[in-house]
mmCIF file of all heavy atoms, coordinates in Angstrom:
data_MODEL
# 
_entry.id   MODEL 
# 
loop_
_atom_site.group_PDB 
_atom_site.id 
_atom_site.type_symbol 
_atom_site.label_atom_id 
_atom_site.label_alt_id 
_atom_site.label_comp_id 
_atom_site.label_asym_id 
_atom_site.label_entity_id 
_atom_site.label_seq_id 
_atom_site.pdbx_PDB_ins_code 
_atom_site.Cartn_x 
_atom_site.Cartn_y 
_atom_site.Cartn_z 
_atom_site.occupancy 
_atom_site.B_iso_or_equiv 
_atom_site.pdbx_formal_charge 
_atom_site.auth_seq_id 
_atom_site.auth_comp_id 
_atom_site.auth_asym_id 
_atom_site.auth_atom_id 
_atom_site.pdbx_PDB_model_num 
ATOM 1   N N   . ALA A 1 1  ? -60.709 74.669 255.940 1.00 0.00 ? 1  ALA A N   1 
ATOM 2   C CA  . ALA A 1 1  ? -61.652 73.648 256.429 1.00 0.00 ? 1  ALA A CA  1 
ATOM 3   C C   . ALA A 1 1  ? -61.099 72.899 257.637 1.00 0.00 ? 1  ALA A C   1 
ATOM 4   O O   . ALA A 1 1  ? -61.863 72.383 258.509 1.00 0.00 ? 1  ALA A O   1 
ATOM 5   C CB  . ALA A 1 1  ? -62.038 72.667 255.391 1.00 0.00 ? 1  ALA A CB  1 
ATOM 6   N N   . LEU A 1 2  ? -59.774 72.884 257.853 1.00 0.00 ? 2  LEU A N   1 
ATOM 7   C CA  . LEU A 1 2  ? -59.164 71.940 258.794 1.00 0.00 ? 2  LEU A CA  1 
ATOM 8   C C   . LEU A 1 2  ? -59.576 72.383 260.240 1.00 0.00 ? 2  LEU A C   1 
ATOM 9   O O   . LEU A 1 2  ? -59.934 71.472 261.063 1.00 0.00 ? 2  LEU A O   1 
ATOM 10  C CB  . LEU A 1 2  ? -57.656 72.028 258.725 1.00 0.00 ? 2  LEU A CB  1 
ATOM 11  C CG  . LEU A 1 2  ? -56.891 70.982 259.522 1.00 0.00 ? 2  LEU A CG  1 
ATOM 12  C CD1 . LEU A 1 2  ? -57.328 69.571 259.227 1.00 0.00 ? 2  LEU A CD1 1 
ATOM 13  C CD2 . LEU A 1 2  ? -55.401 71.089 259.221 1.00 0.00 ? 2  LEU A CD2 1 
ATOM 14  N N   . GLU A 1 3  ? -59.524 73.607 260.608 1.00 0.00 ? 3  GLU A N   1 
ATOM 15  C CA  . GLU A 1 3  ? -59.820 73.975 261.976 1.00 0.00 ? 3  GLU A CA  1 
ATOM 16  C C   . GLU A 1 3  ? -61.304 73.819 262.291 1.00 0.00 ? 3  GLU A C   1 
ATOM 17  O O   . GLU A 1 3  ? -61.701 73.318 263.404 1.00 0.00 ? 3  GLU A O   1 
ATOM 18  C CB  . GLU A 1 3  ? -59.507 75.495 262.142 1.00 0.00 ? 3  GLU A CB  1 
ATOM 19  C CG  . GLU A 1 3  ? -59.794 75.956 263.598 1.00 0.00 ? 3  GLU A CG  1 
ATOM 20  C CD  . GLU A 1 3  ? -58.998 75.275 264.690 1.00 0.00 ? 3  GLU A CD  1 
ATOM 21  O OE1 . GLU A 1 3  ? -57.964 74.657 264.375 1.00 0.00 ? 3  GLU A OE1 1 
ATOM 22  O OE2 . GLU A 1 3  ? -59.450 75.329 265.830 1.00 0.00 ? 3  GLU A OE2 1 
ATOM 23  N N   . SER A 1 4  ? -62.153 74.027 261.318 1.00 0.00 ? 4  SER A N   1 
ATOM 24  C CA  . SER A 1 4  ? -63.571 73.805 261.417 1.00 0.00 ? 4  SER A CA  1 
ATOM 25  C C   . SER A 1 4  ? -63.899 72.282 261.765 1.00 0.00 ? 4  SER A C   1 
ATOM 26  O O   . SER A 1 4  ? -64.645 71.970 262.695 1.00 0.00 ? 4  SER A O   1 
ATOM 27  C CB  . SER A 1 4  ? -64.392 74.214 260.230 1.00 0.00 ? 4  SER A CB  1 
ATOM 28  O OG  . SER A 1 4  ? -65.711 73.890 260.388 1.00 0.00 ? 4  SER A OG  1 
ATOM 29  N N   . VAL A 1 5  ? -63.203 71.503 260.989 1.00 0.00 ? 5  VAL A N   1 
ATOM 30  C CA  . VAL A 1 5  ? -63.424 70.055 261.181 1.00 0.00 ? 5  VAL A CA  1 
ATOM 31  C C   . VAL A 1 5  ? -62.882 69.607 262.623 1.00 0.00 ? 5  VAL A C   1 
ATOM 32  O O   . VAL A 1 5  ? -63.604 68.856 263.300 1.00 0.00 ? 5  VAL A O   1 
ATOM 33  C CB  . VAL A 1 5  ? -62.628 69.210 260.071 1.00 0.00 ? 5  VAL A CB  1 
ATOM 34  C CG1 . VAL A 1 5  ? -62.583 67.739 260.469 1.00 0.00 ? 5  VAL A CG1 1 
ATOM 35  C CG2 . VAL A 1 5  ? -63.295 69.449 258.717 1.00 0.00 ? 5  VAL A CG2 1 
ATOM 36  N N   . ARG A 1 6  ? -61.757 70.110 262.993 1.00 0.00 ? 6  ARG A N   1 
ATOM 37  C CA  . ARG A 1 6  ? -61.224 69.765 264.261 1.00 0.00 ? 6  ARG A CA  1 
ATOM 38  C C   . ARG A 1 6  ? -62.165 70.168 265.463 1.00 0.00 ? 6  ARG A C   1 
ATOM 39  O O   . ARG A 1 6  ? -62.449 69.340 266.349 1.00 0.00 ? 6  ARG A O   1 
ATOM 40  C CB  . ARG A 1 6  ? -59.912 70.481 264.533 1.00 0.00 ? 6  ARG A CB  1 
ATOM 41  C CG  . ARG A 1 6  ? -59.177 70.040 265.817 1.00 0.00 ? 6  ARG A CG  1 
ATOM 42  C CD  . ARG A 1 6  ? -58.012 70.954 266.118 1.00 0.00 ? 6  ARG A CD  1 
ATOM 43  N NE  . ARG A 1 6  ? -58.423 72.348 266.449 1.00 0.00 ? 6  ARG A NE  1 
ATOM 44  C CZ  . ARG A 1 6  ? -58.879 72.652 267.681 1.00 0.00 ? 6  ARG A CZ  1 
ATOM 45  N NH1 . ARG A 1 6  ? -58.998 71.799 268.655 1.00 0.00 ? 6  ARG A NH1 1 
ATOM 46  N NH2 . ARG A 1 6  ? -59.277 73.910 267.901 1.00 0.00 ? 6  ARG A NH2 1 
ATOM 47  N N   . CYS A 1 7  ? -62.778 71.313 265.342 1.00 0.00 ? 7  CYS A N   1 
ATOM 48  C CA  . CYS A 1 7  ? -63.808 71.767 266.333 1.00 0.00 ? 7  CYS A CA  1 
ATOM 49  C C   . CYS A 1 7  ? -65.020 70.889 266.396 1.00 0.00 ? 7  CYS A C   1 
ATOM 50  O O   . CYS A 1 7  ? -65.517 70.553 267.444 1.00 0.00 ? 7  CYS A O   1 
ATOM 51  C CB  . CYS A 1 7  ? -64.119 73.217 266.187 1.00 0.00 ? 7  CYS A CB  1 
ATOM 52  S SG  . CYS A 1 7  ? -62.776 74.355 266.381 1.00 0.00 ? 7  CYS A SG  1 
ATOM 53  N N   . GLN A 1 8  ? -65.526 70.530 265.205 1.00 0.00 ? 8  GLN A N   1 
ATOM 54  C CA  . GLN A 1 8  ? -66.702 69.793 265.099 1.00 0.00 ? 8  GLN A CA  1 
ATOM 55  C C   . GLN A 1 8  ? -66.551 68.381 265.592 1.00 0.00 ? 8  GLN A C   1 
ATOM 56  O O   . GLN A 1 8  ? -67.381 67.914 266.418 1.00 0.00 ? 8  GLN A O   1 
ATOM 57  C CB  . GLN A 1 8  ? -67.216 69.853 263.631 1.00 0.00 ? 8  GLN A CB  1 
ATOM 58  C CG  . GLN A 1 8  ? -67.815 71.106 263.187 1.00 0.00 ? 8  GLN A CG  1 
ATOM 59  C CD  . GLN A 1 8  ? -67.932 71.260 261.676 1.00 0.00 ? 8  GLN A CD  1 
ATOM 60  O OE1 . GLN A 1 8  ? -67.226 70.507 260.966 1.00 0.00 ? 8  GLN A OE1 1 
ATOM 61  N NE2 . GLN A 1 8  ? -68.687 72.203 261.260 1.00 0.00 ? 8  GLN A NE2 1 
ATOM 62  N N   . VAL A 1 9  ? -65.473 67.737 265.199 1.00 0.00 ? 9  VAL A N   1 
ATOM 63  C CA  . VAL A 1 9  ? -65.229 66.368 265.699 1.00 0.00 ? 9  VAL A CA  1 
ATOM 64  C C   . VAL A 1 9  ? -64.935 66.453 267.185 1.00 0.00 ? 9  VAL A C   1 
ATOM 65  O O   . VAL A 1 9  ? -65.330 65.551 267.922 1.00 0.00 ? 9  VAL A O   1 
ATOM 66  C CB  . VAL A 1 9  ? -64.076 65.764 264.882 1.00 0.00 ? 9  VAL A CB  1 
ATOM 67  C CG1 . VAL A 1 9  ? -63.719 64.420 265.486 1.00 0.00 ? 9  VAL A CG1 1 
ATOM 68  C CG2 . VAL A 1 9  ? -64.469 65.566 263.405 1.00 0.00 ? 9  VAL A CG2 1 
ATOM 69  N N   . GLY A 1 10 ? -64.237 67.413 267.614 1.00 0.00 ? 10 GLY A N   1 
ATOM 70  C CA  . GLY A 1 10 ? -63.896 67.622 269.063 1.00 0.00 ? 10 GLY A CA  1 
ATOM 71  C C   . GLY A 1 10 ? -65.191 67.751 269.901 1.00 0.00 ? 10 GLY A C   1 
ATOM 72  O O   . GLY A 1 10 ? -65.167 67.441 271.071 1.00 0.00 ? 10 GLY A O   1 
ATOM 73  N N   . ASN A 1 11 ? -66.288 68.218 269.318 1.00 0.00 ? 11 ASN A N   1 
ATOM 74  C CA  . ASN A 1 11 ? -67.555 68.352 269.992 1.00 0.00 ? 11 ASN A CA  1 
ATOM 75  C C   . ASN A 1 11 ? -68.400 67.079 269.926 1.00 0.00 ? 11 ASN A C   1 
ATOM 76  O O   . ASN A 1 11 ? -69.608 67.086 270.221 1.00 0.00 ? 11 ASN A O   1 
ATOM 77  C CB  . ASN A 1 11 ? -68.330 69.494 269.436 1.00 0.00 ? 11 ASN A CB  1 
ATOM 78  C CG  . ASN A 1 11 ? -67.697 70.844 269.799 1.00 0.00 ? 11 ASN A CG  1 
ATOM 79  O OD1 . ASN A 1 11 ? -67.055 71.022 270.820 1.00 0.00 ? 11 ASN A OD1 1 
ATOM 80  N ND2 . ASN A 1 11 ? -67.868 71.848 268.974 1.00 0.00 ? 11 ASN A ND2 1 
ATOM 81  N N   . GLY A 1 12 ? -67.759 65.953 269.415 1.00 0.00 ? 12 GLY A N   1 
ATOM 82  C CA  . GLY A 1 12 ? -68.485 64.694 269.393 1.00 0.00 ? 12 GLY A CA  1 
ATOM 83  C C   . GLY A 1 12 ? -69.262 64.410 268.119 1.00 0.00 ? 12 GLY A C   1 
ATOM 84  O O   . GLY A 1 12 ? -70.113 63.485 268.108 1.00 0.00 ? 12 GLY A O   1 
ATOM 85  N N   . ILE A 1 13 ? -69.107 65.237 267.092 1.00 0.00 ? 13 ILE A N   1 
ATOM 86  C CA  . ILE A 1 13 ? -69.842 65.039 265.839 1.00 0.00 ? 13 ILE A CA  1 
ATOM 87  C C   . ILE A 1 13 ? -69.034 64.126 264.922 1.00 0.00 ? 13 ILE A C   1 
ATOM 88  O O   . ILE A 1 13 ? -67.831 64.261 264.724 1.00 0.00 ? 13 ILE A O   1 
ATOM 89  C CB  . ILE A 1 13 ? -70.029 66.360 265.147 1.00 0.00 ? 13 ILE A CB  1 
ATOM 90  C CG1 . ILE A 1 13 ? -70.817 67.340 265.996 1.00 0.00 ? 13 ILE A CG1 1 
ATOM 91  C CG2 . ILE A 1 13 ? -70.622 66.199 263.773 1.00 0.00 ? 13 ILE A CG2 1 
ATOM 92  C CD1 . ILE A 1 13 ? -70.887 68.790 265.575 1.00 0.00 ? 13 ILE A CD1 1 
ATOM 93  N N   . SER A 1 14 ? -69.686 63.028 264.476 1.00 0.00 ? 14 SER A N   1 
ATOM 94  C CA  . SER A 1 14 ? -69.017 62.130 263.534 1.00 0.00 ? 14 SER A CA  1 
ATOM 95  C C   . SER A 1 14 ? -69.038 62.661 262.144 1.00 0.00 ? 14 SER A C   1 
ATOM 96  O O   . SER A 1 14 ? -69.961 63.484 261.764 1.00 0.00 ? 14 SER A O   1 
ATOM 97  C CB  . SER A 1 14 ? -69.674 60.768 263.539 1.00 0.00 ? 14 SER A CB  1 
ATOM 98  O OG  . SER A 1 14 ? -71.009 60.839 263.051 1.00 0.00 ? 14 SER A OG  1 
ATOM 99  N N   . MET A 1 15 ? -68.017 62.356 261.353 1.00 0.00 ? 15 MET A N   1 
ATOM 100 C CA  . MET A 1 15 ? -67.904 62.892 259.948 1.00 0.00 ? 15 MET A CA  1 
ATOM 101 C C   . MET A 1 15 ? -67.381 61.825 258.995 1.00 0.00 ? 15 MET A C   1 
ATOM 102 O O   . MET A 1 15 ? -66.396 61.139 259.333 1.00 0.00 ? 15 MET A O   1 
ATOM 103 C CB  . MET A 1 15 ? -66.970 64.132 259.966 1.00 0.00 ? 15 MET A CB  1 
ATOM 104 C CG  . MET A 1 15 ? -66.946 64.832 258.627 1.00 0.00 ? 15 MET A CG  1 
ATOM 105 S SD  . MET A 1 15 ? -65.968 66.381 258.688 1.00 0.00 ? 15 MET A SD  1 
ATOM 106 C CE  . MET A 1 15 ? -66.862 67.367 259.858 1.00 0.00 ? 15 MET A CE  1 
ATOM 107 N N   . ARG A 1 16 ? -68.020 61.759 257.812 1.00 0.00 ? 16 ARG A N   1 
ATOM 108 C CA  . ARG A 1 16 ? -67.489 60.836 256.814 1.00 0.00 ? 16 ARG A CA  1 
ATOM 109 C C   . ARG A 1 16 ? -67.500 61.622 255.500 1.00 0.00 ? 16 ARG A C   1 
ATOM 110 O O   . ARG A 1 16 ? -68.388 62.474 255.188 1.00 0.00 ? 16 ARG A O   1 
ATOM 111 C CB  . ARG A 1 16 ? -68.457 59.628 256.639 1.00 0.00 ? 16 ARG A CB  1 
ATOM 112 C CG  . ARG A 1 16 ? -68.338 58.601 257.726 1.00 0.00 ? 16 ARG A CG  1 
ATOM 113 C CD  . ARG A 1 16 ? -69.180 57.408 257.478 1.00 0.00 ? 16 ARG A CD  1 
ATOM 114 N NE  . ARG A 1 16 ? -70.588 57.748 257.777 1.00 0.00 ? 16 ARG A NE  1 
ATOM 115 C CZ  . ARG A 1 16 ? -71.607 56.984 257.226 1.00 0.00 ? 16 ARG A CZ  1 
ATOM 116 N NH1 . ARG A 1 16 ? -71.397 56.035 256.311 1.00 0.00 ? 16 ARG A NH1 1 
ATOM 117 N NH2 . ARG A 1 16 ? -72.852 57.331 257.492 1.00 0.00 ? 16 ARG A NH2 1 
ATOM 118 N N   . THR A 1 17 ? -66.409 61.401 254.672 1.00 0.00 ? 17 THR A N   1 
ATOM 119 C CA  . THR A 1 17 ? -66.198 62.080 253.419 1.00 0.00 ? 17 THR A CA  1 
ATOM 120 C C   . THR A 1 17 ? -65.856 61.207 252.382 1.00 0.00 ? 17 THR A C   1 
ATOM 121 O O   . THR A 1 17 ? -65.030 60.235 252.571 1.00 0.00 ? 17 THR A O   1 
ATOM 122 C CB  . THR A 1 17 ? -65.101 63.207 253.622 1.00 0.00 ? 17 THR A CB  1 
ATOM 123 O OG1 . THR A 1 17 ? -65.481 64.186 254.540 1.00 0.00 ? 17 THR A OG1 1 
ATOM 124 C CG2 . THR A 1 17 ? -64.788 63.854 252.256 1.00 0.00 ? 17 THR A CG2 1 
ATOM 125 N N   . ILE A 1 18 ? -66.343 61.359 251.154 1.00 0.00 ? 18 ILE A N   1 
ATOM 126 C CA  . ILE A 1 18 ? -65.976 60.592 249.970 1.00 0.00 ? 18 ILE A CA  1 
ATOM 127 C C   . ILE A 1 18 ? -65.325 61.531 248.944 1.00 0.00 ? 18 ILE A C   1 
ATOM 128 O O   . ILE A 1 18 ? -65.890 62.610 248.628 1.00 0.00 ? 18 ILE A O   1 
ATOM 129 C CB  . ILE A 1 18 ? -67.222 59.960 249.313 1.00 0.00 ? 18 ILE A CB  1 
ATOM 130 C CG1 . ILE A 1 18 ? -67.981 59.060 250.236 1.00 0.00 ? 18 ILE A CG1 1 
ATOM 131 C CG2 . ILE A 1 18 ? -66.765 59.220 248.013 1.00 0.00 ? 18 ILE A CG2 1 
ATOM 132 C CD1 . ILE A 1 18 ? -69.256 58.477 249.685 1.00 0.00 ? 18 ILE A CD1 1 
ATOM 133 N N   . TYR A 1 19 ? -64.177 61.132 248.570 1.00 0.00 ? 19 TYR A N   1 
ATOM 134 C CA  . TYR A 1 19 ? -63.419 61.855 247.492 1.00 0.00 ? 19 TYR A CA  1 
ATOM 135 C C   . TYR A 1 19 ? -63.357 60.877 246.287 1.00 0.00 ? 19 TYR A C   1 
ATOM 136 O O   . TYR A 1 19 ? -63.788 59.723 246.381 1.00 0.00 ? 19 TYR A O   1 
ATOM 137 C CB  . TYR A 1 19 ? -62.001 62.148 247.871 1.00 0.00 ? 19 TYR A CB  1 
ATOM 138 C CG  . TYR A 1 19 ? -61.798 63.329 248.836 1.00 0.00 ? 19 TYR A CG  1 
ATOM 139 C CD1 . TYR A 1 19 ? -61.463 63.074 250.112 1.00 0.00 ? 19 TYR A CD1 1 
ATOM 140 C CD2 . TYR A 1 19 ? -62.050 64.647 248.488 1.00 0.00 ? 19 TYR A CD2 1 
ATOM 141 C CE1 . TYR A 1 19 ? -61.307 64.065 251.107 1.00 0.00 ? 19 TYR A CE1 1 
ATOM 142 C CE2 . TYR A 1 19 ? -61.939 65.660 249.363 1.00 0.00 ? 19 TYR A CE2 1 
ATOM 143 C CZ  . TYR A 1 19 ? -61.553 65.384 250.657 1.00 0.00 ? 19 TYR A CZ  1 
ATOM 144 O OH  . TYR A 1 19 ? -61.372 66.402 251.532 1.00 0.00 ? 19 TYR A OH  1 
ATOM 145 N N   . GLN A 1 20 ? -62.829 61.332 245.182 1.00 0.00 ? 20 GLN A N   1 
ATOM 146 C CA  . GLN A 1 20 ? -62.558 60.530 244.031 1.00 0.00 ? 20 GLN A CA  1 
ATOM 147 C C   . GLN A 1 20 ? -61.118 59.902 244.113 1.00 0.00 ? 20 GLN A C   1 
ATOM 148 O O   . GLN A 1 20 ? -60.288 60.485 244.765 1.00 0.00 ? 20 GLN A O   1 
ATOM 149 C CB  . GLN A 1 20 ? -62.734 61.264 242.743 1.00 0.00 ? 20 GLN A CB  1 
ATOM 150 C CG  . GLN A 1 20 ? -64.230 61.573 242.485 1.00 0.00 ? 20 GLN A CG  1 
ATOM 151 C CD  . GLN A 1 20 ? -64.451 62.338 241.172 1.00 0.00 ? 20 GLN A CD  1 
ATOM 152 O OE1 . GLN A 1 20 ? -64.250 63.511 241.111 1.00 0.00 ? 20 GLN A OE1 1 
ATOM 153 N NE2 . GLN A 1 20 ? -64.775 61.641 240.104 1.00 0.00 ? 20 GLN A NE2 1 
ATOM 154 N N   . HIS A 1 21 ? -60.929 58.830 243.441 1.00 0.00 ? 21 HIS A N   1 
ATOM 155 C CA  . HIS A 1 21 ? -59.535 58.160 243.496 1.00 0.00 ? 21 HIS A CA  1 
ATOM 156 C C   . HIS A 1 21 ? -58.518 59.102 243.138 1.00 0.00 ? 21 HIS A C   1 
ATOM 157 O O   . HIS A 1 21 ? -57.412 59.009 243.700 1.00 0.00 ? 21 HIS A O   1 
ATOM 158 C CB  . HIS A 1 21 ? -59.569 56.975 242.530 1.00 0.00 ? 21 HIS A CB  1 
ATOM 159 C CG  . HIS A 1 21 ? -60.337 55.759 242.992 1.00 0.00 ? 21 HIS A CG  1 
ATOM 160 N ND1 . HIS A 1 21 ? -60.581 55.512 244.365 1.00 0.00 ? 21 HIS A ND1 1 
ATOM 161 C CD2 . HIS A 1 21 ? -60.875 54.772 242.370 1.00 0.00 ? 21 HIS A CD2 1 
ATOM 162 C CE1 . HIS A 1 21 ? -61.237 54.357 244.459 1.00 0.00 ? 21 HIS A CE1 1 
ATOM 163 N NE2 . HIS A 1 21 ? -61.436 53.891 243.251 1.00 0.00 ? 21 HIS A NE2 1 
ATOM 164 N N   . SER A 1 22 ? -58.770 60.026 242.173 1.00 0.00 ? 22 SER A N   1 
ATOM 165 C CA  . SER A 1 22 ? -57.671 60.910 241.791 1.00 0.00 ? 22 SER A CA  1 
ATOM 166 C C   . SER A 1 22 ? -57.158 61.807 242.941 1.00 0.00 ? 22 SER A C   1 
ATOM 167 O O   . SER A 1 22 ? -56.035 62.313 242.809 1.00 0.00 ? 22 SER A O   1 
ATOM 168 C CB  . SER A 1 22 ? -58.245 61.810 240.632 1.00 0.00 ? 22 SER A CB  1 
ATOM 169 O OG  . SER A 1 22 ? -59.425 62.463 240.980 1.00 0.00 ? 22 SER A OG  1 
ATOM 170 N N   . ALA A 1 23 ? -57.890 61.943 243.970 1.00 0.00 ? 23 ALA A N   1 
ATOM 171 C CA  . ALA A 1 23 ? -57.448 62.832 245.098 1.00 0.00 ? 23 ALA A CA  1 
ATOM 172 C C   . ALA A 1 23 ? -56.278 62.091 245.857 1.00 0.00 ? 23 ALA A C   1 
ATOM 173 O O   . ALA A 1 23 ? -55.590 62.792 246.606 1.00 0.00 ? 23 ALA A O   1 
ATOM 174 C CB  . ALA A 1 23 ? -58.643 63.037 246.117 1.00 0.00 ? 23 ALA A CB  1 
ATOM 175 N N   . ARG A 1 24 ? -56.122 60.828 245.667 1.00 0.00 ? 24 ARG A N   1 
ATOM 176 C CA  . ARG A 1 24 ? -55.074 60.113 246.358 1.00 0.00 ? 24 ARG A CA  1 
ATOM 177 C C   . ARG A 1 24 ? -53.679 60.539 245.884 1.00 0.00 ? 24 ARG A C   1 
ATOM 178 O O   . ARG A 1 24 ? -52.700 60.291 246.554 1.00 0.00 ? 24 ARG A O   1 
ATOM 179 C CB  . ARG A 1 24 ? -55.204 58.617 246.066 1.00 0.00 ? 24 ARG A CB  1 
ATOM 180 C CG  . ARG A 1 24 ? -56.527 58.008 246.588 1.00 0.00 ? 24 ARG A CG  1 
ATOM 181 C CD  . ARG A 1 24 ? -56.440 56.513 246.286 1.00 0.00 ? 24 ARG A CD  1 
ATOM 182 N NE  . ARG A 1 24 ? -57.679 55.868 246.749 1.00 0.00 ? 24 ARG A NE  1 
ATOM 183 C CZ  . ARG A 1 24 ? -57.673 54.663 247.331 1.00 0.00 ? 24 ARG A CZ  1 
ATOM 184 N NH1 . ARG A 1 24 ? -56.585 53.938 247.450 1.00 0.00 ? 24 ARG A NH1 1 
ATOM 185 N NH2 . ARG A 1 24 ? -58.853 54.065 247.664 1.00 0.00 ? 24 ARG A NH2 1 
ATOM 186 N N   . PHE A 1 25 ? -53.552 61.276 244.772 1.00 0.00 ? 25 PHE A N   1 
ATOM 187 C CA  . PHE A 1 25 ? -52.240 61.554 244.239 1.00 0.00 ? 25 PHE A CA  1 
ATOM 188 C C   . PHE A 1 25 ? -51.918 63.083 244.537 1.00 0.00 ? 25 PHE A C   1 
ATOM 189 O O   . PHE A 1 25 ? -50.798 63.482 244.017 1.00 0.00 ? 25 PHE A O   1 
ATOM 190 C CB  . PHE A 1 25 ? -52.197 61.339 242.707 1.00 0.00 ? 25 PHE A CB  1 
ATOM 191 C CG  . PHE A 1 25 ? -52.639 59.880 242.298 1.00 0.00 ? 25 PHE A CG  1 
ATOM 192 C CD1 . PHE A 1 25 ? -53.802 59.739 241.607 1.00 0.00 ? 25 PHE A CD1 1 
ATOM 193 C CD2 . PHE A 1 25 ? -51.930 58.907 242.786 1.00 0.00 ? 25 PHE A CD2 1 
ATOM 194 C CE1 . PHE A 1 25 ? -54.203 58.414 241.327 1.00 0.00 ? 25 PHE A CE1 1 
ATOM 195 C CE2 . PHE A 1 25 ? -52.313 57.545 242.506 1.00 0.00 ? 25 PHE A CE2 1 
ATOM 196 C CZ  . PHE A 1 25 ? -53.457 57.360 241.793 1.00 0.00 ? 25 PHE A CZ  1 
# 
């Protein structure tokens, strides 16, 4: 997913993501 996200944000698209607290570990 990382490269896709980089290209999309680089094209001026804003992105927000919600994970669960358990992802912090």
